Amino acid sequence: MISAITDDALQDGRHEWAKMGFLSRMFIFSYSYPISAVYKIFDSLMRDKSGVDEKIELKFPNQPKDVVLPKPIAKKLIPISMKVGESMKLHGFRFFLSTKTMLKALALLNGRATVTDREFEEFLELSRYLNCQFNPI
């Protein structure tokens, strides 16, 4: 599920959502815009452009595809998952499972059937925004 929500609404409902297990089933992706990005967005809107100059074509496999997550890479996810779980007063099991899926999706996106350190590094870069801190893009 992908959804947009204001920071106030997220902060307001976060504790109740965490109690019922809703947040542990999601990747909370938060960000904010530095003022330079705000001006670029307005500039793009004035030119009636979406800001994307090139089209991105997504290619999905026709059939289900097994993607291998090597155990050494999976082990690197444990402390991260535990830390995220701790922030929600949980163990982080669901985050671990969701992260495994994300790494496998990144491998498929990169044309591989095995997760490599490259995908793990991509995940670490994305994880900067997997929080409720609204880090600047």
N, C-alpha and C. Protein backbone atom coordinates (compact mmCIF):
# COMPACT_ATOMS: atom_id res chain seq x y z
N MET A 1 0.85 -1.17 0.00
CA MET A 1 0.00 0.00 0.00
C MET A 1 0.89 1.23 0.00
N ILE A 2 0.56 2.17 -0.83
CA ILE A 2 1.25 3.45 -0.84
C ILE A 2 0.21 4.51 -0.53
N SER A 3 0.53 5.36 0.43
CA SER A 3 -0.42 6.38 0.84
C SER A 3 0.33 7.64 1.20
N ALA A 4 -0.31 8.77 1.00
CA ALA A 4 0.25 10.05 1.41
C ALA A 4 -0.52 10.55 2.62
N ILE A 5 0.21 11.13 3.54
CA ILE A 5 -0.41 11.65 4.76
C ILE A 5 0.42 12.83 5.24
N THR A 6 -0.23 13.79 5.82
CA THR A 6 0.52 14.94 6.35
C THR A 6 1.28 14.51 7.59
N ASP A 7 2.33 15.25 7.90
CA ASP A 7 3.13 14.91 9.09
C ASP A 7 2.29 15.00 10.37
N ASP A 8 1.42 16.00 10.46
CA ASP A 8 0.57 16.13 11.65
C ASP A 8 -0.35 14.92 11.82
N ALA A 9 -0.96 14.47 10.75
CA ALA A 9 -1.87 13.33 10.84
C ALA A 9 -1.12 12.05 11.20
N LEU A 10 0.08 11.88 10.64
CA LEU A 10 0.88 10.71 10.96
C LEU A 10 1.27 10.71 12.44
N GLN A 11 1.75 11.84 12.91
CA GLN A 11 2.15 11.93 14.32
C GLN A 11 0.96 11.74 15.25
N ASP A 12 -0.18 12.27 14.87
CA ASP A 12 -1.37 12.20 15.69
C ASP A 12 -1.87 10.76 15.85
N GLY A 13 -1.86 9.98 14.76
CA GLY A 13 -2.41 8.63 14.80
C GLY A 13 -1.41 7.53 15.04
N ARG A 14 -0.11 7.86 15.04
CA ARG A 14 0.94 6.85 15.09
C ARG A 14 0.82 5.90 16.28
N HIS A 15 0.55 6.40 17.46
CA HIS A 15 0.53 5.53 18.64
C HIS A 15 -0.65 4.56 18.61
N GLU A 16 -1.79 5.04 18.18
CA GLU A 16 -2.96 4.14 18.09
C GLU A 16 -2.73 3.08 17.00
N TRP A 17 -2.15 3.49 15.87
CA TRP A 17 -1.90 2.54 14.79
C TRP A 17 -0.88 1.49 15.23
N ALA A 18 0.12 1.92 16.00
CA ALA A 18 1.13 0.98 16.49
C ALA A 18 0.51 -0.05 17.42
N LYS A 19 -0.42 0.38 18.27
CA LYS A 19 -1.07 -0.54 19.22
C LYS A 19 -1.81 -1.66 18.51
N MET A 20 -2.43 -1.37 17.38
CA MET A 20 -3.19 -2.41 16.69
C MET A 20 -2.34 -3.15 15.65
N GLY A 21 -1.06 -2.88 15.59
CA GLY A 21 -0.17 -3.62 14.70
C GLY A 21 -0.14 -3.12 13.27
N PHE A 22 -0.85 -2.04 12.98
CA PHE A 22 -0.92 -1.52 11.61
C PHE A 22 0.46 -1.04 11.13
N LEU A 23 1.16 -0.29 11.96
CA LEU A 23 2.44 0.28 11.53
C LEU A 23 3.50 -0.79 11.31
N SER A 24 3.44 -1.88 12.06
CA SER A 24 4.46 -2.91 11.89
C SER A 24 4.31 -3.65 10.57
N ARG A 25 3.20 -3.45 9.89
CA ARG A 25 2.97 -4.08 8.59
C ARG A 25 3.31 -3.15 7.43
N MET A 26 3.81 -1.99 7.73
CA MET A 26 4.09 -0.97 6.71
C MET A 26 5.55 -0.52 6.79
N PHE A 27 6.02 -0.01 5.67
CA PHE A 27 7.25 0.78 5.68
C PHE A 27 6.78 2.22 5.78
N ILE A 28 7.09 2.89 6.84
CA ILE A 28 6.77 4.31 6.96
C ILE A 28 7.91 5.06 6.29
N PHE A 29 7.58 5.71 5.21
CA PHE A 29 8.57 6.43 4.40
C PHE A 29 8.26 7.91 4.56
N SER A 30 9.12 8.64 5.25
CA SER A 30 8.86 10.06 5.48
C SER A 30 10.02 10.89 4.92
N TYR A 31 9.69 12.08 4.50
CA TYR A 31 10.71 12.97 3.95
C TYR A 31 10.21 14.40 4.04
N SER A 32 11.12 15.32 3.84
CA SER A 32 10.74 16.72 3.71
C SER A 32 11.58 17.32 2.59
N TYR A 33 11.13 18.46 2.11
CA TYR A 33 11.85 19.13 1.02
C TYR A 33 12.67 20.28 1.57
N PRO A 34 13.98 20.34 1.20
CA PRO A 34 14.72 21.57 1.51
C PRO A 34 14.18 22.69 0.61
N ILE A 35 14.38 23.91 0.99
CA ILE A 35 13.82 25.04 0.25
C ILE A 35 14.28 25.04 -1.21
N SER A 36 15.51 24.58 -1.48
CA SER A 36 15.98 24.53 -2.87
C SER A 36 15.12 23.58 -3.71
N ALA A 37 14.70 22.47 -3.13
CA ALA A 37 13.83 21.53 -3.85
C ALA A 37 12.44 22.13 -4.06
N VAL A 38 11.96 22.87 -3.08
CA VAL A 38 10.64 23.52 -3.20
C VAL A 38 10.65 24.46 -4.40
N TYR A 39 11.71 25.24 -4.55
CA TYR A 39 11.79 26.16 -5.70
C TYR A 39 11.86 25.40 -7.02
N LYS A 40 12.59 24.28 -7.06
CA LYS A 40 12.66 23.49 -8.29
C LYS A 40 11.29 22.92 -8.65
N ILE A 41 10.54 22.49 -7.63
CA ILE A 41 9.21 21.95 -7.88
C ILE A 41 8.30 23.04 -8.44
N PHE A 42 8.32 24.22 -7.82
CA PHE A 42 7.50 25.32 -8.34
C PHE A 42 7.91 25.69 -9.76
N ASP A 43 9.19 25.70 -10.04
CA ASP A 43 9.68 26.00 -11.39
C ASP A 43 9.13 24.98 -12.38
N SER A 44 9.17 23.71 -12.01
CA SER A 44 8.65 22.65 -12.86
C SER A 44 7.15 22.82 -13.08
N LEU A 45 6.42 23.16 -12.03
CA LEU A 45 4.97 23.35 -12.13
C LEU A 45 4.64 24.54 -13.03
N MET A 46 5.46 25.59 -12.98
CA MET A 46 5.21 26.74 -13.85
C MET A 46 5.38 26.37 -15.32
N ARG A 47 6.25 25.40 -15.59
CA ARG A 47 6.48 24.96 -16.97
C ARG A 47 5.53 23.83 -17.36
N ASP A 48 4.55 23.54 -16.49
CA ASP A 48 3.60 22.46 -16.73
C ASP A 48 4.29 21.12 -16.93
N LYS A 49 5.34 20.89 -16.18
CA LYS A 49 6.07 19.62 -16.24
C LYS A 49 5.94 18.93 -14.89
N SER A 50 6.01 17.63 -14.91
CA SER A 50 5.92 16.88 -13.65
C SER A 50 7.26 16.84 -12.95
N GLY A 51 8.30 17.29 -13.60
CA GLY A 51 9.63 17.23 -13.00
C GLY A 51 10.41 16.01 -13.45
N VAL A 52 9.75 15.10 -14.16
CA VAL A 52 10.42 13.90 -14.66
C VAL A 52 10.62 14.07 -16.15
N ASP A 53 11.86 14.14 -16.57
CA ASP A 53 12.16 14.35 -17.98
C ASP A 53 12.21 13.05 -18.77
N GLU A 54 12.44 11.94 -18.09
CA GLU A 54 12.51 10.67 -18.79
C GLU A 54 11.48 9.71 -18.23
N LYS A 55 10.94 8.89 -19.10
CA LYS A 55 9.97 7.89 -18.66
C LYS A 55 10.72 6.69 -18.14
N ILE A 56 10.21 6.11 -17.07
CA ILE A 56 10.81 4.93 -16.48
C ILE A 56 9.90 3.75 -16.77
N GLU A 57 10.44 2.76 -17.46
CA GLU A 57 9.65 1.58 -17.78
C GLU A 57 9.97 0.48 -16.77
N LEU A 58 8.94 -0.02 -16.13
CA LEU A 58 9.11 -1.11 -15.18
C LEU A 58 8.84 -2.43 -15.89
N LYS A 59 9.74 -3.38 -15.71
CA LYS A 59 9.58 -4.69 -16.33
C LYS A 59 9.38 -5.71 -15.22
N PHE A 60 8.24 -6.37 -15.26
CA PHE A 60 7.93 -7.39 -14.27
C PHE A 60 8.04 -8.77 -14.92
N PRO A 61 8.51 -9.76 -14.17
CA PRO A 61 8.58 -11.12 -14.73
C PRO A 61 7.18 -11.64 -15.06
N ASN A 62 7.09 -12.44 -16.12
CA ASN A 62 5.80 -13.03 -16.51
C ASN A 62 5.37 -14.12 -15.53
N GLN A 63 6.33 -14.79 -14.95
CA GLN A 63 6.07 -15.88 -14.02
C GLN A 63 6.73 -15.56 -12.67
N PRO A 64 6.23 -16.16 -11.59
CA PRO A 64 6.90 -15.96 -10.30
C PRO A 64 8.37 -16.38 -10.41
N LYS A 65 9.21 -15.66 -9.72
CA LYS A 65 10.65 -15.93 -9.80
C LYS A 65 11.22 -16.01 -8.39
N ASP A 66 11.96 -17.07 -8.13
CA ASP A 66 12.62 -17.19 -6.84
C ASP A 66 13.86 -16.31 -6.84
N VAL A 67 14.01 -15.54 -5.78
CA VAL A 67 15.20 -14.71 -5.61
C VAL A 67 15.86 -15.15 -4.31
N VAL A 68 17.14 -15.42 -4.38
CA VAL A 68 17.89 -15.92 -3.23
C VAL A 68 18.43 -14.75 -2.42
N LEU A 69 18.22 -14.82 -1.12
CA LEU A 69 18.81 -13.85 -0.19
C LEU A 69 19.87 -14.60 0.61
N PRO A 70 21.16 -14.38 0.30
CA PRO A 70 22.21 -15.09 1.02
C PRO A 70 22.15 -14.81 2.53
N LYS A 71 22.45 -15.85 3.31
CA LYS A 71 22.36 -15.75 4.77
C LYS A 71 23.21 -14.61 5.34
N PRO A 72 24.43 -14.37 4.86
CA PRO A 72 25.22 -13.26 5.42
C PRO A 72 24.55 -11.89 5.26
N ILE A 73 23.85 -11.69 4.14
CA ILE A 73 23.14 -10.43 3.94
C ILE A 73 21.91 -10.38 4.83
N ALA A 74 21.19 -11.50 4.93
CA ALA A 74 20.01 -11.56 5.80
C ALA A 74 20.40 -11.26 7.25
N LYS A 75 21.54 -11.74 7.68
CA LYS A 75 21.99 -11.50 9.06
C LYS A 75 22.21 -10.02 9.33
N LYS A 76 22.62 -9.28 8.30
CA LYS A 76 22.83 -7.84 8.46
C LYS A 76 21.52 -7.11 8.75
N LEU A 77 20.39 -7.71 8.39
CA LEU A 77 19.08 -7.10 8.60
C LEU A 77 18.61 -7.23 10.05
N ILE A 78 19.14 -8.20 10.78
CA ILE A 78 18.64 -8.46 12.14
C ILE A 78 18.79 -7.26 13.06
N PRO A 79 19.99 -6.67 13.21
CA PRO A 79 20.08 -5.52 14.13
C PRO A 79 19.23 -4.33 13.69
N ILE A 80 19.13 -4.13 12.39
CA ILE A 80 18.30 -3.03 11.88
C ILE A 80 16.84 -3.29 12.23
N SER A 81 16.39 -4.52 12.00
CA SER A 81 14.99 -4.89 12.28
C SER A 81 14.69 -4.78 13.77
N MET A 82 15.63 -5.20 14.60
CA MET A 82 15.42 -5.11 16.05
C MET A 82 15.32 -3.66 16.49
N LYS A 83 16.13 -2.80 15.90
CA LYS A 83 16.10 -1.37 16.25
C LYS A 83 14.76 -0.75 15.85
N VAL A 84 14.30 -1.06 14.64
CA VAL A 84 13.01 -0.54 14.19
C VAL A 84 11.90 -1.10 15.07
N GLY A 85 11.95 -2.40 15.36
CA GLY A 85 10.95 -3.01 16.23
C GLY A 85 10.92 -2.38 17.61
N GLU A 86 12.10 -2.11 18.14
CA GLU A 86 12.20 -1.47 19.47
C GLU A 86 11.49 -0.13 19.48
N SER A 87 11.58 0.61 18.39
CA SER A 87 10.93 1.92 18.33
C SER A 87 9.41 1.79 18.36
N MET A 88 8.90 0.61 17.98
CA MET A 88 7.45 0.36 18.01
C MET A 88 7.06 -0.54 19.18
N LYS A 89 8.02 -0.78 20.08
CA LYS A 89 7.81 -1.68 21.23
C LYS A 89 7.46 -3.09 20.76
N LEU A 90 8.18 -3.54 19.71
CA LEU A 90 8.04 -4.88 19.15
C LEU A 90 9.43 -5.47 18.96
N HIS A 91 9.48 -6.67 18.42
CA HIS A 91 10.77 -7.31 18.16
C HIS A 91 11.33 -6.98 16.78
N GLY A 92 10.48 -6.62 15.83
CA GLY A 92 10.94 -6.28 14.49
C GLY A 92 10.82 -7.42 13.49
N PHE A 93 10.07 -8.48 13.84
CA PHE A 93 9.93 -9.61 12.92
C PHE A 93 9.31 -9.20 11.59
N ARG A 94 8.21 -8.45 11.63
CA ARG A 94 7.54 -8.06 10.39
C ARG A 94 8.44 -7.16 9.53
N PHE A 95 9.16 -6.25 10.19
CA PHE A 95 10.07 -5.39 9.45
C PHE A 95 11.13 -6.24 8.75
N PHE A 96 11.64 -7.26 9.45
CA PHE A 96 12.64 -8.15 8.87
C PHE A 96 12.08 -8.83 7.61
N LEU A 97 10.86 -9.37 7.71
CA LEU A 97 10.26 -10.05 6.56
C LEU A 97 10.00 -9.07 5.41
N SER A 98 9.52 -7.90 5.73
CA SER A 98 9.26 -6.89 4.68
C SER A 98 10.56 -6.45 4.02
N THR A 99 11.61 -6.33 4.81
CA THR A 99 12.90 -5.90 4.28
C THR A 99 13.49 -6.97 3.38
N LYS A 100 13.32 -8.23 3.74
CA LYS A 100 13.78 -9.31 2.86
C LYS A 100 13.09 -9.19 1.50
N THR A 101 11.80 -8.92 1.51
CA THR A 101 11.05 -8.77 0.27
C THR A 101 11.57 -7.58 -0.53
N MET A 102 11.86 -6.47 0.17
CA MET A 102 12.37 -5.29 -0.52
C MET A 102 13.72 -5.59 -1.18
N LEU A 103 14.59 -6.28 -0.48
CA LEU A 103 15.90 -6.61 -1.05
C LEU A 103 15.75 -7.50 -2.28
N LYS A 104 14.83 -8.45 -2.22
CA LYS A 104 14.61 -9.32 -3.37
C LYS A 104 14.04 -8.52 -4.54
N ALA A 105 13.15 -7.58 -4.26
CA ALA A 105 12.60 -6.73 -5.33
C ALA A 105 13.71 -5.87 -5.95
N LEU A 106 14.61 -5.36 -5.12
CA LEU A 106 15.72 -4.57 -5.66
C LEU A 106 16.61 -5.44 -6.55
N ALA A 107 16.84 -6.70 -6.15
CA ALA A 107 17.64 -7.60 -6.98
C ALA A 107 16.96 -7.83 -8.33
N LEU A 108 15.64 -8.08 -8.31
CA LEU A 108 14.90 -8.25 -9.57
C LEU A 108 15.00 -7.00 -10.44
N LEU A 109 14.86 -5.85 -9.80
CA LEU A 109 14.95 -4.59 -10.53
C LEU A 109 16.33 -4.43 -11.18
N ASN A 110 17.35 -4.96 -10.51
CA ASN A 110 18.71 -4.90 -11.04
C ASN A 110 19.04 -6.08 -11.96
N GLY A 111 18.02 -6.90 -12.27
CA GLY A 111 18.21 -8.01 -13.22
C GLY A 111 18.91 -9.22 -12.62
N ARG A 112 18.81 -9.41 -11.32
CA ARG A 112 19.49 -10.54 -10.68
C ARG A 112 18.49 -11.45 -9.98
N ALA A 113 18.90 -12.71 -9.80
CA ALA A 113 18.09 -13.69 -9.07
C ALA A 113 18.68 -13.95 -7.69
N THR A 114 19.72 -13.21 -7.34
CA THR A 114 20.35 -13.31 -6.02
C THR A 114 20.61 -11.91 -5.50
N VAL A 115 20.27 -11.67 -4.25
CA VAL A 115 20.53 -10.38 -3.61
C VAL A 115 22.04 -10.27 -3.38
N THR A 116 22.58 -9.10 -3.72
CA THR A 116 24.01 -8.85 -3.52
C THR A 116 24.20 -7.68 -2.55
N ASP A 117 25.45 -7.39 -2.25
CA ASP A 117 25.75 -6.24 -1.39
C ASP A 117 25.26 -4.93 -2.03
N ARG A 118 25.17 -4.90 -3.35
CA ARG A 118 24.67 -3.70 -4.03
C ARG A 118 23.24 -3.40 -3.59
N GLU A 119 22.39 -4.42 -3.55
CA GLU A 119 21.00 -4.22 -3.11
C GLU A 119 20.96 -3.82 -1.64
N PHE A 120 21.84 -4.42 -0.84
CA PHE A 120 21.87 -4.06 0.58
C PHE A 120 22.25 -2.59 0.75
N GLU A 121 23.21 -2.13 -0.04
CA GLU A 121 23.61 -0.71 0.02
C GLU A 121 22.46 0.19 -0.44
N GLU A 122 21.73 -0.23 -1.48
CA GLU A 122 20.56 0.55 -1.93
C GLU A 122 19.52 0.63 -0.82
N PHE A 123 19.31 -0.51 -0.14
CA PHE A 123 18.36 -0.53 0.97
C PHE A 123 18.81 0.44 2.06
N LEU A 124 20.10 0.42 2.40
CA LEU A 124 20.60 1.33 3.44
C LEU A 124 20.36 2.78 3.05
N GLU A 125 20.53 3.09 1.77
CA GLU A 125 20.27 4.46 1.30
C GLU A 125 18.79 4.81 1.46
N LEU A 126 17.91 3.88 1.08
CA LEU A 126 16.46 4.11 1.22
C LEU A 126 16.04 4.17 2.69
N SER A 127 16.73 3.40 3.54
CA SER A 127 16.32 3.31 4.94
C SER A 127 16.46 4.65 5.67
N ARG A 128 17.19 5.55 5.08
CA ARG A 128 17.29 6.89 5.65
C ARG A 128 15.92 7.55 5.80
N TYR A 129 14.99 7.11 4.96
CA TYR A 129 13.64 7.68 4.95
C TYR A 129 12.59 6.74 5.57
N LEU A 130 13.01 5.56 6.04
CA LEU A 130 12.08 4.61 6.66
C LEU A 130 11.96 4.93 8.14
N ASN A 131 11.28 6.02 8.43
CA ASN A 131 11.12 6.48 9.81
C ASN A 131 10.04 7.55 9.82
N CYS A 132 9.88 8.15 10.95
CA CYS A 132 8.92 9.26 11.07
C CYS A 132 9.66 10.56 11.36
N GLN A 133 10.89 10.67 10.88
CA GLN A 133 11.72 11.84 11.16
C GLN A 133 11.66 12.91 10.07
N PHE A 134 11.07 12.59 8.93
CA PHE A 134 10.93 13.54 7.82
C PHE A 134 12.28 14.11 7.39
N ASN A 135 13.24 13.22 7.13
CA ASN A 135 14.56 13.65 6.69
C ASN A 135 14.47 14.34 5.34
N PRO A 136 15.26 15.39 5.15
CA PRO A 136 15.22 16.10 3.86
C PRO A 136 15.74 15.21 2.72
N ILE A 137 15.07 15.31 1.58
CA ILE A 137 15.52 14.57 0.39
C ILE A 137 16.72 15.30 -0.19
